[in-house]
PDB file of N, CA and C in Angstrom:
ATOM      1  N   UNK A   1     -44.669  88.957 236.404  1.00  0.00           N
ATOM      2  CA  UNK A   1     -45.865  88.539 237.113  1.00  0.00           C
ATOM      3  C   UNK A   1     -46.870  87.959 236.110  1.00  0.00           C
ATOM      4  N   UNK A   2     -47.312  86.754 236.318  1.00  0.00           N
ATOM      5  CA  UNK A   2     -48.311  86.182 235.420  1.00  0.00           C
ATOM      6  C   UNK A   2     -49.673  86.870 235.613  1.00  0.00           C
ATOM      7  N   UNK A   3     -50.404  86.975 234.537  1.00  0.00           N
ATOM      8  CA  UNK A   3     -51.751  87.558 234.555  1.00  0.00           C
ATOM      9  C   UNK A   3     -51.764  88.991 235.097  1.00  0.00           C
ATOM     10  N   UNK A   4     -50.763  89.762 234.712  1.00  0.00           N
ATOM     11  CA  UNK A   4     -50.651  91.135 235.221  1.00  0.00           C
ATOM     12  C   UNK A   4     -51.840  92.002 234.828  1.00  0.00           C
ATOM     13  N   UNK A   5     -52.543  91.615 233.751  1.00  0.00           N
ATOM     14  CA  UNK A   5     -53.710  92.376 233.313  1.00  0.00           C
ATOM     15  C   UNK A   5     -54.774  92.459 234.399  1.00  0.00           C
ATOM     16  N   UNK A   6     -54.775  91.477 235.317  1.00  0.00           N
ATOM     17  CA  UNK A   6     -55.770  91.486 236.398  1.00  0.00           C
ATOM     18  C   UNK A   6     -55.674  92.742 237.247  1.00  0.00           C
ATOM     19  N   UNK A   7     -54.506  93.369 237.249  1.00  0.00           N
ATOM     20  CA  UNK A   7     -54.298  94.582 238.044  1.00  0.00           C
ATOM     21  C   UNK A   7     -54.492  95.869 237.242  1.00  0.00           C
ATOM     22  N   UNK A   8     -54.730  95.747 235.948  1.00  0.00           N
ATOM     23  CA  UNK A   8     -54.885  96.944 235.117  1.00  0.00           C
ATOM     24  C   UNK A   8     -56.266  97.557 235.314  1.00  0.00           C
ATOM     25  N   UNK A   9     -56.278  98.843 235.505  1.00  0.00           N
ATOM     26  CA  UNK A   9     -57.543  99.565 235.672  1.00  0.00           C
ATOM     27  C   UNK A   9     -58.420  99.435 234.424  1.00  0.00           C
ATOM     28  N   UNK A  10     -57.803  99.466 233.240  1.00  0.00           N
ATOM     29  CA  UNK A  10     -58.623  99.356 232.029  1.00  0.00           C
ATOM     30  C   UNK A  10     -59.298  97.993 231.937  1.00  0.00           C
ATOM     31  N   UNK A  11     -58.634  96.959 232.412  1.00  0.00           N
ATOM     32  CA  UNK A  11     -59.230  95.626 232.414  1.00  0.00           C
ATOM     33  C   UNK A  11     -60.428  95.594 233.368  1.00  0.00           C
ATOM     34  N   UNK A  12     -60.250  96.126 234.565  1.00  0.00           N
ATOM     35  CA  UNK A  12     -61.335  96.162 235.553  1.00  0.00           C
ATOM     36  C   UNK A  12     -62.523  96.982 235.037  1.00  0.00           C
ATOM     37  N   UNK A  13     -62.227  98.125 234.423  1.00  0.00           N
ATOM     38  CA  UNK A  13     -63.301  98.983 233.914  1.00  0.00           C
ATOM     39  C   UNK A  13     -64.013  98.342 232.721  1.00  0.00           C
ATOM     40  N   UNK A  14     -63.272  97.634 231.890  1.00  0.00           N
ATOM     41  CA  UNK A  14     -63.894  96.925 230.765  1.00  0.00           C
ATOM     42  C   UNK A  14     -64.839  95.840 231.283  1.00  0.00           C
ATOM     43  N   UNK A  15     -64.459  95.170 232.357  1.00  0.00           N
ATOM     44  CA  UNK A  15     -65.342  94.151 232.944  1.00  0.00           C
ATOM     45  C   UNK A  15     -66.621  94.787 233.491  1.00  0.00           C
ATOM     46  N   UNK A  16     -66.508  95.930 234.151  1.00  0.00           N
ATOM     47  CA  UNK A  16     -67.687  96.617 234.686  1.00  0.00           C
ATOM     48  C   UNK A  16     -68.618  97.046 233.548  1.00  0.00           C
ATOM     49  N   UNK A  17     -68.021  97.560 232.476  1.00  0.00           N
ATOM     50  CA  UNK A  17     -68.807  97.983 231.330  1.00  0.00           C
ATOM     51  C   UNK A  17     -69.545  96.788 230.717  1.00  0.00           C
ATOM     52  N   UNK A  18     -68.854  95.666 230.613  1.00  0.00           N
ATOM     53  CA  UNK A  18     -69.460  94.445 230.085  1.00  0.00           C
ATOM     54  C   UNK A  18     -70.657  94.016 230.944  1.00  0.00           C
ATOM     55  N   UNK A  19     -70.496  94.127 232.246  1.00  0.00           N
ATOM     56  CA  UNK A  19     -71.600  93.780 233.154  1.00  0.00           C
ATOM     57  C   UNK A  19     -72.808  94.675 232.881  1.00  0.00           C
ATOM     58  N   UNK A  20     -72.556  95.963 232.654  1.00  0.00           N
ATOM     59  CA  UNK A  20     -73.641  96.894 232.317  1.00  0.00           C
ATOM     60  C   UNK A  20     -74.339  96.483 231.023  1.00  0.00           C
ATOM     61  N   UNK A  21     -73.547  96.073 230.045  1.00  0.00           N
ATOM     62  CA  UNK A  21     -74.107  95.626 228.763  1.00  0.00           C
ATOM     63  C   UNK A  21     -74.985  94.391 228.980  1.00  0.00           C
ATOM     64  N   UNK A  22     -74.474  93.439 229.749  1.00  0.00           N
ATOM     65  CA  UNK A  22     -75.255  92.226 230.018  1.00  0.00           C
ATOM     66  C   UNK A  22     -76.581  92.561 230.700  1.00  0.00           C
ATOM     67  N   UNK A  23     -76.554  93.510 231.604  1.00  0.00           N
ATOM     68  CA  UNK A  23     -77.781  93.895 232.301  1.00  0.00           C
ATOM     69  C   UNK A  23     -78.830  94.472 231.355  1.00  0.00           C
ATOM     70  N   UNK A  24     -78.394  95.274 230.378  1.00  0.00           N
ATOM     71  CA  UNK A  24     -79.392  95.887 229.490  1.00  0.00           C
ATOM     72  C   UNK A  24     -79.906  94.926 228.424  1.00  0.00           C
ATOM     73  N   UNK A  25     -79.050  94.031 227.948  1.00  0.00           N
ATOM     74  CA  UNK A  25     -79.505  93.153 226.865  1.00  0.00           C
ATOM     75  C   UNK A  25     -80.519  92.115 227.353  1.00  0.00           C
ATOM     76  N   UNK A  26     -80.567  91.902 228.651  1.00  0.00           N
ATOM     77  CA  UNK A  26     -81.592  91.003 229.199  1.00  0.00           C
ATOM     78  C   UNK A  26     -83.004  91.518 228.917  1.00  0.00           C
ATOM     79  N   UNK A  27     -83.107  92.823 228.721  1.00  0.00           N
ATOM     80  CA  UNK A  27     -84.410  93.453 228.518  1.00  0.00           C
ATOM     81  C   UNK A  27     -84.759  93.645 227.040  1.00  0.00           C
ATOM     82  N   UNK A  28     -83.867  93.243 226.147  1.00  0.00           N
ATOM     83  CA  UNK A  28     -84.130  93.382 224.716  1.00  0.00           C
ATOM     84  C   UNK A  28     -85.212  92.395 224.292  1.00  0.00           C
ATOM     85  N   UNK A  29     -85.914  92.705 223.219  1.00  0.00           N
ATOM     86  CA  UNK A  29     -86.928  91.766 222.715  1.00  0.00           C
ATOM     87  C   UNK A  29     -86.297  90.432 222.298  1.00  0.00           C
ATOM     88  N   UNK A  30     -87.081  89.383 222.390  1.00  0.00           N
ATOM     89  CA  UNK A  30     -86.575  88.047 222.062  1.00  0.00           C
ATOM     90  C   UNK A  30     -86.090  87.943 220.626  1.00  0.00           C
ATOM     91  N   UNK A  31     -86.676  88.693 219.719  1.00  0.00           N
ATOM     92  CA  UNK A  31     -86.261  88.615 218.318  1.00  0.00           C
ATOM     93  C   UNK A  31     -84.845  89.152 218.087  1.00  0.00           C
ATOM     94  N   UNK A  32     -84.299  89.842 219.058  1.00  0.00           N
ATOM     95  CA  UNK A  32     -82.924  90.345 218.964  1.00  0.00           C
ATOM     96  C   UNK A  32     -81.899  89.365 219.534  1.00  0.00           C
ATOM     97  N   UNK A  33     -82.359  88.254 220.071  1.00  0.00           N
ATOM     98  CA  UNK A  33     -81.464  87.315 220.746  1.00  0.00           C
ATOM     99  C   UNK A  33     -80.283  86.877 219.894  1.00  0.00           C
ATOM    100  N   UNK A  34     -80.497  86.623 218.624  1.00  0.00           N
ATOM    101  CA  UNK A  34     -79.418  86.110 217.787  1.00  0.00           C
ATOM    102  C   UNK A  34     -78.783  87.172 216.898  1.00  0.00           C
ATOM    103  N   UNK A  35     -79.109  88.411 217.150  1.00  0.00           N
ATOM    104  CA  UNK A  35     -78.492  89.463 216.347  1.00  0.00           C
ATOM    105  C   UNK A  35     -77.836  90.502 217.260  1.00  0.00           C
ATOM    106  N   UNK A  36     -78.550  91.542 217.589  1.00  0.00           N
ATOM    107  CA  UNK A  36     -77.955  92.627 218.365  1.00  0.00           C
ATOM    108  C   UNK A  36     -77.501  92.178 219.752  1.00  0.00           C
ATOM    109  N   UNK A  37     -78.300  91.379 220.418  1.00  0.00           N
ATOM    110  CA  UNK A  37     -77.940  90.906 221.758  1.00  0.00           C
ATOM    111  C   UNK A  37     -76.626  90.128 221.738  1.00  0.00           C
ATOM    112  N   UNK A  38     -76.533  89.162 220.843  1.00  0.00           N
ATOM    113  CA  UNK A  38     -75.309  88.360 220.761  1.00  0.00           C
ATOM    114  C   UNK A  38     -74.109  89.192 220.333  1.00  0.00           C
ATOM    115  N   UNK A  39     -74.323  90.108 219.402  1.00  0.00           N
ATOM    116  CA  UNK A  39     -73.227  90.937 218.923  1.00  0.00           C
ATOM    117  C   UNK A  39     -72.702  91.847 220.031  1.00  0.00           C
ATOM    118  N   UNK A  40     -73.583  92.425 220.813  1.00  0.00           N
ATOM    119  CA  UNK A  40     -73.160  93.267 221.937  1.00  0.00           C
ATOM    120  C   UNK A  40     -72.393  92.438 222.970  1.00  0.00           C
ATOM    121  N   UNK A  41     -72.881  91.248 223.226  1.00  0.00           N
ATOM    122  CA  UNK A  41     -72.209  90.366 224.179  1.00  0.00           C
ATOM    123  C   UNK A  41     -70.795  90.018 223.684  1.00  0.00           C
ATOM    124  N   UNK A  42     -70.686  89.635 222.423  1.00  0.00           N
ATOM    125  CA  UNK A  42     -69.383  89.247 221.863  1.00  0.00           C
ATOM    126  C   UNK A  42     -68.411  90.417 221.807  1.00  0.00           C
ATOM    127  N   UNK A  43     -68.890  91.571 221.361  1.00  0.00           N
ATOM    128  CA  UNK A  43     -68.010  92.735 221.245  1.00  0.00           C
ATOM    129  C   UNK A  43     -67.567  93.229 222.629  1.00  0.00           C
ATOM    130  N   UNK A  44     -68.471  93.200 223.586  1.00  0.00           N
ATOM    131  CA  UNK A  44     -68.110  93.600 224.952  1.00  0.00           C
ATOM    132  C   UNK A  44     -67.071  92.669 225.545  1.00  0.00           C
ATOM    133  N   UNK A  45     -67.267  91.388 225.337  1.00  0.00           N
ATOM    134  CA  UNK A  45     -66.310  90.403 225.831  1.00  0.00           C
ATOM    135  C   UNK A  45     -64.974  90.525 225.103  1.00  0.00           C
ATOM    136  N   UNK A  46     -65.029  90.790 223.815  1.00  0.00           N
ATOM    137  CA  UNK A  46     -63.815  90.953 223.016  1.00  0.00           C
ATOM    138  C   UNK A  46     -62.967  92.116 223.522  1.00  0.00           C
ATOM    139  N   UNK A  47     -63.614  93.168 223.984  1.00  0.00           N
ATOM    140  CA  UNK A  47     -62.881  94.311 224.550  1.00  0.00           C
ATOM    141  C   UNK A  47     -62.021  93.843 225.722  1.00  0.00           C
ATOM    142  N   UNK A  48     -62.618  93.095 226.605  1.00  0.00           N
ATOM    143  CA  UNK A  48     -61.910  92.582 227.784  1.00  0.00           C
ATOM    144  C   UNK A  48     -60.808  91.609 227.386  1.00  0.00           C
ATOM    145  N   UNK A  49     -61.150  90.666 226.543  1.00  0.00           N
ATOM    146  CA  UNK A  49     -60.205  89.598 226.198  1.00  0.00           C
ATOM    147  C   UNK A  49     -59.010  90.099 225.398  1.00  0.00           C
ATOM    148  N   UNK A  50     -59.195  91.118 224.586  1.00  0.00           N
ATOM    149  CA  UNK A  50     -58.052  91.685 223.869  1.00  0.00           C
ATOM    150  C   UNK A  50     -57.064  92.361 224.814  1.00  0.00           C
ATOM    151  N   UNK A  51     -57.570  93.000 225.830  1.00  0.00           N
ATOM    152  CA  UNK A  51     -56.680  93.604 226.835  1.00  0.00           C
ATOM    153  C   UNK A  51     -55.878  92.505 227.521  1.00  0.00           C
ATOM    154  N   UNK A  52     -56.562  91.447 227.905  1.00  0.00           N
ATOM    155  CA  UNK A  52     -55.890  90.334 228.594  1.00  0.00           C
ATOM    156  C   UNK A  52     -54.896  89.633 227.678  1.00  0.00           C
ATOM    157  N   UNK A  53     -55.309  89.318 226.469  1.00  0.00           N
ATOM    158  CA  UNK A  53     -54.441  88.567 225.565  1.00  0.00           C
ATOM    159  C   UNK A  53     -53.202  89.365 225.162  1.00  0.00           C
ATOM    160  N   UNK A  54     -53.388  90.633 224.910  1.00  0.00           N
ATOM    161  CA  UNK A  54     -52.265  91.465 224.480  1.00  0.00           C
ATOM    162  C   UNK A  54     -51.216  91.674 225.545  1.00  0.00           C
ATOM    163  N   UNK A  55     -51.623  91.553 226.776  1.00  0.00           N
ATOM    164  CA  UNK A  55     -50.728  91.800 227.903  1.00  0.00           C
ATOM    165  C   UNK A  55     -49.461  90.958 227.871  1.00  0.00           C
ATOM    166  N   UNK A  56     -49.550  89.739 227.433  1.00  0.00           N
ATOM    167  CA  UNK A  56     -48.391  88.843 227.435  1.00  0.00           C
ATOM    168  C   UNK A  56     -47.896  88.508 226.035  1.00  0.00           C
ATOM    169  N   UNK A  57     -48.018  89.425 225.123  1.00  0.00           N
ATOM    170  CA  UNK A  57     -47.588  89.181 223.754  1.00  0.00           C
ATOM    171  C   UNK A  57     -46.101  89.442 223.540  1.00  0.00           C
ATOM    172  N   UNK A  58     -45.395  89.793 224.559  1.00  0.00           N
ATOM    173  CA  UNK A  58     -43.943  89.890 224.451  1.00  0.00           C
ATOM    174  C   UNK A  58     -43.411  91.297 224.303  1.00  0.00           C
ATOM    175  N   UNK A  59     -44.010  92.095 223.423  1.00  0.00           N
ATOM    176  CA  UNK A  59     -43.499  93.455 223.236  1.00  0.00           C
ATOM    177  C   UNK A  59     -44.629  94.458 223.441  1.00  0.00           C
ATOM    178  N   UNK A  60     -44.236  95.678 223.751  1.00  0.00           N
ATOM    179  CA  UNK A  60     -45.227  96.738 223.902  1.00  0.00           C
ATOM    180  C   UNK A  60     -45.929  97.022 222.574  1.00  0.00           C
ATOM    181  N   UNK A  61     -45.208  96.868 221.476  1.00  0.00           N
ATOM    182  CA  UNK A  61     -45.801  97.090 220.157  1.00  0.00           C
ATOM    183  C   UNK A  61     -46.916  96.069 219.903  1.00  0.00           C
ATOM    184  N   UNK A  62     -46.660  94.814 220.251  1.00  0.00           N
ATOM    185  CA  UNK A  62     -47.683  93.778 220.099  1.00  0.00           C
ATOM    186  C   UNK A  62     -48.876  94.055 221.022  1.00  0.00           C
ATOM    187  N   UNK A  63     -48.577  94.425 222.259  1.00  0.00           N
ATOM    188  CA  UNK A  63     -49.644  94.729 223.216  1.00  0.00           C
ATOM    189  C   UNK A  63     -50.503  95.867 222.684  1.00  0.00           C
ATOM    190  N   UNK A  64     -49.858  96.866 222.120  1.00  0.00           N
ATOM    191  CA  UNK A  64     -50.586  98.014 221.592  1.00  0.00           C
ATOM    192  C   UNK A  64     -51.559  97.595 220.484  1.00  0.00           C
ATOM    193  N   UNK A  65     -51.159  96.654 219.658  1.00  0.00           N
ATOM    194  CA  UNK A  65     -52.035  96.157 218.596  1.00  0.00           C
ATOM    195  C   UNK A  65     -53.315  95.555 219.196  1.00  0.00           C
ATOM    196  N   UNK A  66     -53.164  94.836 220.288  1.00  0.00           N
ATOM    197  CA  UNK A  66     -54.332  94.252 220.959  1.00  0.00           C
ATOM    198  C   UNK A  66     -55.198  95.331 221.610  1.00  0.00           C
ATOM    199  N   UNK A  67     -54.558  96.376 222.112  1.00  0.00           N
ATOM    200  CA  UNK A  67     -55.344  97.483 222.666  1.00  0.00           C
ATOM    201  C   UNK A  67     -56.170  98.144 221.570  1.00  0.00           C
ATOM    202  N   UNK A  68     -55.598  98.247 220.369  1.00  0.00           N
ATOM    203  CA  UNK A  68     -56.347  98.819 219.247  1.00  0.00           C
ATOM    204  C   UNK A  68     -57.509  97.904 218.852  1.00  0.00           C
ATOM    205  N   UNK A  69     -57.306  96.593 218.955  1.00  0.00           N
ATOM    206  CA  UNK A  69     -58.409  95.651 218.723  1.00  0.00           C
ATOM    207  C   UNK A  69     -59.503  95.829 219.777  1.00  0.00           C
ATOM    208  N   UNK A  70     -59.086  96.026 221.035  1.00  0.00           N
ATOM    209  CA  UNK A  70     -60.048  96.260 222.118  1.00  0.00           C
ATOM    210  C   UNK A  70     -60.846  97.536 221.845  1.00  0.00           C
ATOM    211  N   UNK A  71     -60.160  98.550 221.363  1.00  0.00           N
ATOM    212  CA  UNK A  71     -60.833  99.806 221.036  1.00  0.00           C
ATOM    213  C   UNK A  71     -61.820  99.614 219.886  1.00  0.00           C
ATOM    214  N   UNK A  72     -61.450  98.809 218.903  1.00  0.00           N
ATOM    215  CA  UNK A  72     -62.372  98.505 217.811  1.00  0.00           C
ATOM    216  C   UNK A  72     -63.621  97.799 218.314  1.00  0.00           C
ATOM    217  N   UNK A  73     -63.434  96.857 219.225  1.00  0.00           N
ATOM    218  CA  UNK A  73     -64.579  96.152 219.811  1.00  0.00           C
ATOM    219  C   UNK A  73     -65.442  97.098 220.629  1.00  0.00           C
ATOM    220  N   UNK A  74     -64.810  98.011 221.336  1.00  0.00           N
ATOM    221  CA  UNK A  74     -65.562  98.994 222.112  1.00  0.00           C
ATOM    222  C   UNK A  74     -66.407  99.869 221.189  1.00  0.00           C
ATOM    223  N   UNK A  75     -65.843 100.260 220.058  1.00  0.00           N
ATOM    224  CA  UNK A  75     -66.608 101.041 219.085  1.00  0.00           C
ATOM    225  C   UNK A  75     -67.807 100.251 218.570  1.00  0.00           C
ATOM    226  N   UNK A  76     -67.620  98.975 218.396  1.00  0.00           N
ATOM    227  CA  UNK A  76     -68.718  98.103 217.965  1.00  0.00           C
ATOM    228  C   UNK A  76     -69.836  98.082 219.016  1.00  0.00           C
ATOM    229  N   UNK A  77     -69.453  98.034 220.271  1.00  0.00           N
ATOM    230  CA  UNK A  77     -70.444  98.065 221.355  1.00  0.00           C
ATOM    231  C   UNK A  77     -71.212  99.387 221.321  1.00  0.00           C
ATOM    232  N   UNK A  78     -70.487 100.484 221.152  1.00  0.00           N
ATOM    233  CA  UNK A  78     -71.149 101.796 221.119  1.00  0.00           C
ATOM    234  C   UNK A  78     -72.137 101.866 219.954  1.00  0.00           C
ATOM    235  N   UNK A  79     -71.763 101.332 218.804  1.00  0.00           N
ATOM    236  CA  UNK A  79     -72.692 101.307 217.673  1.00  0.00           C
ATOM    237  C   UNK A  79     -73.931 100.478 218.023  1.00  0.00           C
ATOM    238  N   UNK A  80     -73.731  99.359 218.706  1.00  0.00           N
ATOM    239  CA  UNK A  80     -74.859  98.533 219.135  1.00  0.00           C
ATOM    240  C   UNK A  80     -75.757  99.247 220.125  1.00  0.00           C
ATOM    241  N   UNK A  81     -75.155 100.000 221.024  1.00  0.00           N
ATOM    242  CA  UNK A  81     -75.923 100.792 221.987  1.00  0.00           C
ATOM    243  C   UNK A  81     -76.746 101.842 221.255  1.00  0.00           C
ATOM    244  N   UNK A  82     -76.135 102.460 220.267  1.00  0.00           N
ATOM    245  CA  UNK A  82     -76.832 103.469 219.477  1.00  0.00           C
ATOM    246  C   UNK A  82     -78.037 102.863 218.750  1.00  0.00           C
ATOM    247  N   UNK A  83     -77.846 101.679 218.191  1.00  0.00           N
ATOM    248  CA  UNK A  83     -78.945 100.986 217.515  1.00  0.00           C
ATOM    249  C   UNK A  83     -80.039 100.616 218.516  1.00  0.00           C
ATOM    250  N   UNK A  84     -79.636 100.159 219.690  1.00  0.00           N
ATOM    251  CA  UNK A  84     -80.612  99.811 220.726  1.00  0.00           C
ATOM    252  C   UNK A  84     -81.429 101.037 221.132  1.00  0.00           C
ATOM    253  N   UNK A  85     -80.778 102.168 221.241  1.00  0.00           N
ATOM    254  CA  UNK A  85     -81.485 103.400 221.586  1.00  0.00           C
ATOM    255  C   UNK A  85     -82.440 103.807 220.464  1.00  0.00           C
ATOM    256  N   UNK A  86     -81.943 103.751 219.253  1.00  0.00           N
ATOM    257  CA  UNK A  86     -82.758 104.118 218.094  1.00  0.00           C
ATOM    258  C   UNK A  86     -84.012 103.239 217.987  1.00  0.00           C
ATOM    259  N   UNK A  87     -83.886 101.990 218.355  1.00  0.00           N
ATOM    260  CA  UNK A  87     -85.019 101.056 218.294  1.00  0.00           C
ATOM    261  C   UNK A  87     -85.830 101.023 219.592  1.00  0.00           C
ATOM    262  N   UNK A  88     -85.502 101.924 220.494  1.00  0.00           N
ATOM    263  CA  UNK A  88     -86.222 102.094 221.766  1.00  0.00           C
ATOM    264  C   UNK A  88     -86.115 100.892 222.700  1.00  0.00           C
ATOM    265  N   UNK A  89     -84.991 100.167 222.610  1.00  0.00           N
ATOM    266  CA  UNK A  89     -84.751  99.070 223.555  1.00  0.00           C
ATOM    267  C   UNK A  89     -84.197  99.601 224.868  1.00  0.00           C
ATOM    268  N   UNK A  90     -83.589 100.781 224.801  1.00  0.00           N
ATOM    269  CA  UNK A  90     -83.085 101.459 226.005  1.00  0.00           C
ATOM    270  C   UNK A  90     -83.542 102.917 225.953  1.00  0.00           C
ATOM    271  N   UNK A  91     -83.658 103.516 227.126  1.00  0.00           N
ATOM    272  CA  UNK A  91     -84.085 104.915 227.169  1.00  0.00           C
ATOM    273  C   UNK A  91     -82.874 105.853 227.134  1.00  0.00           C
ATOM    274  N   UNK A  92     -83.143 107.131 227.080  1.00  0.00           N
ATOM    275  CA  UNK A  92     -82.102 108.163 226.960  1.00  0.00           C
ATOM    276  C   UNK A  92     -81.132 108.137 228.146  1.00  0.00           C
ATOM    277  N   UNK A  93     -81.632 107.919 229.336  1.00  0.00           N
ATOM    278  CA  UNK A  93     -80.780 107.900 230.529  1.00  0.00           C
ATOM    279  C   UNK A  93     -79.793 106.737 230.459  1.00  0.00           C
ATOM    280  N   UNK A  94     -80.275 105.563 230.130  1.00  0.00           N
ATOM    281  CA  UNK A  94     -79.407 104.383 230.005  1.00  0.00           C
ATOM    282  C   UNK A  94     -78.409 104.598 228.879  1.00  0.00           C
ATOM    283  N   UNK A  95     -78.898 105.091 227.760  1.00  0.00           N
ATOM    284  CA  UNK A  95     -78.027 105.377 226.610  1.00  0.00           C
ATOM    285  C   UNK A  95     -76.892 106.325 226.998  1.00  0.00           C
ATOM    286  N   UNK A  96     -77.245 107.439 227.600  1.00  0.00           N
ATOM    287  CA  UNK A  96     -76.239 108.444 227.979  1.00  0.00           C
ATOM    288  C   UNK A  96     -75.231 107.883 228.971  1.00  0.00           C
ATOM    289  N   UNK A  97     -75.719 107.109 229.928  1.00  0.00           N
ATOM    290  CA  UNK A  97     -74.829 106.505 230.920  1.00  0.00           C
ATOM    291  C   UNK A  97     -73.835 105.548 230.260  1.00  0.00           C
ATOM    292  N   UNK A  98     -74.320 104.694 229.365  1.00  0.00           N
ATOM    293  CA  UNK A  98     -73.442 103.734 228.692  1.00  0.00           C
ATOM    294  C   UNK A  98     -72.434 104.440 227.785  1.00  0.00           C
ATOM    295  N   UNK A  99     -72.878 105.472 227.090  1.00  0.00           N
ATOM    296  CA  UNK A  99     -71.969 106.222 226.215  1.00  0.00           C
ATOM    297  C   UNK A  99     -70.896 106.913 227.051  1.00  0.00           C
ATOM    298  N   UNK A 100     -71.280 107.444 228.188  1.00  0.00           N
ATOM    299  CA  UNK A 100     -70.318 108.074 229.111  1.00  0.00           C
ATOM    300  C   UNK A 100     -69.242 107.084 229.554  1.00  0.00           C
ATOM    301  N   UNK A 101     -69.675 105.920 229.980  1.00  0.00           N
ATOM    302  CA  UNK A 101     -68.745 104.893 230.439  1.00  0.00           C
ATOM    303  C   UNK A 101     -67.835 104.454 229.296  1.00  0.00           C
ATOM    304  N   UNK A 102     -68.415 104.259 228.120  1.00  0.00           N
ATOM    305  CA  UNK A 102     -67.625 103.842 226.955  1.00  0.00           C
ATOM    306  C   UNK A 102     -66.590 104.903 226.584  1.00  0.00           C
ATOM    307  N   UNK A 103     -66.978 106.159 226.677  1.00  0.00           N
ATOM    308  CA  UNK A 103     -66.044 107.243 226.353  1.00  0.00           C
ATOM    309  C   UNK A 103     -64.863 107.258 227.329  1.00  0.00           C
ATOM    310  N   UNK A 104     -65.145 107.081 228.592  1.00  0.00           N
ATOM    311  CA  UNK A 104     -64.063 107.040 229.590  1.00  0.00           C
ATOM    312  C   UNK A 104     -63.147 105.845 229.340  1.00  0.00           C
ATOM    313  N   UNK A 105     -63.727 104.705 229.035  1.00  0.00           N
ATOM    314  CA  UNK A 105     -62.927 103.515 228.759  1.00  0.00           C
ATOM    315  C   UNK A 105     -62.091 103.708 227.496  1.00  0.00           C
ATOM    316  N   UNK A 106     -62.668 104.321 226.486  1.00  0.00           N
ATOM    317  CA  UNK A 106     -61.942 104.615 225.252  1.00  0.00           C
ATOM    318  C   UNK A 106     -60.735 105.515 225.527  1.00  0.00           C
ATOM    319  N   UNK A 107     -60.941 106.524 226.346  1.00  0.00           N
ATOM    320  CA  UNK A 107     -59.837 107.427 226.699  1.00  0.00           C
ATOM    321  C   UNK A 107     -58.758 106.693 227.484  1.00  0.00           C
ATOM    322  N   UNK A 108     -59.157 105.795 228.363  1.00  0.00           N
ATOM    323  CA  UNK A 108     -58.180 105.019 229.134  1.00  0.00           C
ATOM    324  C   UNK A 108     -57.353 104.121 228.219  1.00  0.00           C
ATOM    325  N   UNK A 109     -58.022 103.456 227.295  1.00  0.00           N
ATOM    326  CA  UNK A 109     -57.308 102.586 226.363  1.00  0.00           C
ATOM    327  C   UNK A 109     -56.353 103.425 225.509  1.00  0.00           C
ATOM    328  N   UNK A 110     -56.826 104.574 225.050  1.00  0.00           N
ATOM    329  CA  UNK A 110     -55.985 105.463 224.252  1.00  0.00           C
ATOM    330  C   UNK A 110     -54.770 105.951 225.016  1.00  0.00           C
ATOM    331  N   UNK A 111     -54.959 106.308 226.276  1.00  0.00           N
ATOM    332  CA  UNK A 111     -53.845 106.770 227.100  1.00  0.00           C
ATOM    333  C   UNK A 111     -52.835 105.649 227.353  1.00  0.00           C
ATOM    334  N   UNK A 112     -53.342 104.451 227.594  1.00  0.00           N
ATOM    335  CA  UNK A 112     -52.468 103.303 227.814  1.00  0.00           C
ATOM    336  C   UNK A 112     -51.680 103.011 226.536  1.00  0.00           C
ATOM    337  N   UNK A 113     -52.345 103.087 225.408  1.00  0.00           N
ATOM    338  CA  UNK A 113     -51.693 102.872 224.117  1.00  0.00           C
ATOM    339  C   UNK A 113     -50.585 103.899 223.897  1.00  0.00           C
ATOM    340  N   UNK A 114     -50.891 105.137 224.183  1.00  0.00           N
ATOM    341  CA  UNK A 114     -49.901 106.213 224.016  1.00  0.00           C
ATOM    342  C   UNK A 114     -48.684 105.970 224.902  1.00  0.00           C
ATOM    343  N   UNK A 115     -48.927 105.529 226.120  1.00  0.00           N
ATOM    344  CA  UNK A 115     -47.824 105.228 227.035  1.00  0.00           C
ATOM    345  C   UNK A 115     -46.955 104.096 226.481  1.00  0.00           C
ATOM    346  N   UNK A 116     -47.598 103.073 225.948  1.00  0.00           N
ATOM    347  CA  UNK A 116     -46.845 101.963 225.363  1.00  0.00           C
ATOM    348  C   UNK A 116     -46.008 102.427 224.172  1.00  0.00           C
ATOM    349  N   UNK A 117     -46.572 103.309 223.364  1.00  0.00           N
ATOM    350  CA  UNK A 117     -45.857 103.808 222.171  1.00  0.00           C
ATOM    351  C   UNK A 117     -44.589 104.559 222.539  1.00  0.00           C
ATOM    352  N   UNK A 118     -44.588 105.200 223.694  1.00  0.00           N
ATOM    353  CA  UNK A 118     -43.380 105.936 224.096  1.00  0.00           C
ATOM    354  C   UNK A 118     -42.273 104.985 224.531  1.00  0.00           C
ATOM    355  N   UNK A 119     -42.637 103.715 224.736  1.00  0.00           N
ATOM    356  CA  UNK A 119     -41.657 102.735 225.202  1.00  0.00           C
ATOM    357  C   UNK A 119     -41.112 101.879 224.086  1.00  0.00           C
ATOM    358  N   UNK A 120     -41.551 102.090 222.849  1.00  0.00           N
ATOM    359  CA  UNK A 120     -40.968 101.327 221.738  1.00  0.00           C
ATOM    360  C   UNK A 120     -40.587 102.215 220.609  1.00  0.00           C
TER     361      UNK A 120
END
């Protein structure tokens, strides 16, 4: 099936998380436009795109490598969220909610990776 990633729960959840990131960065100060805002946008998008790209790489081992890249990008987003909280661009409630979502997504990616590893 072409574009099978469209049916993956981790892909759908990564897109929802990205939407949440986009919503919060709209409220960041203008001086962050070319630094933290752009980096969060790129890393969030990279999480999604690595899941999609890895899906058709031919082997489960190759796909797993892309999932690890997605996880790295997700970690980058979490670091950006932490910096945003530290600089008071987001409040504790928003911070906690985003960290919760990121943790669930991280666990999903990890579980998917583990499943792939059992197949190669």
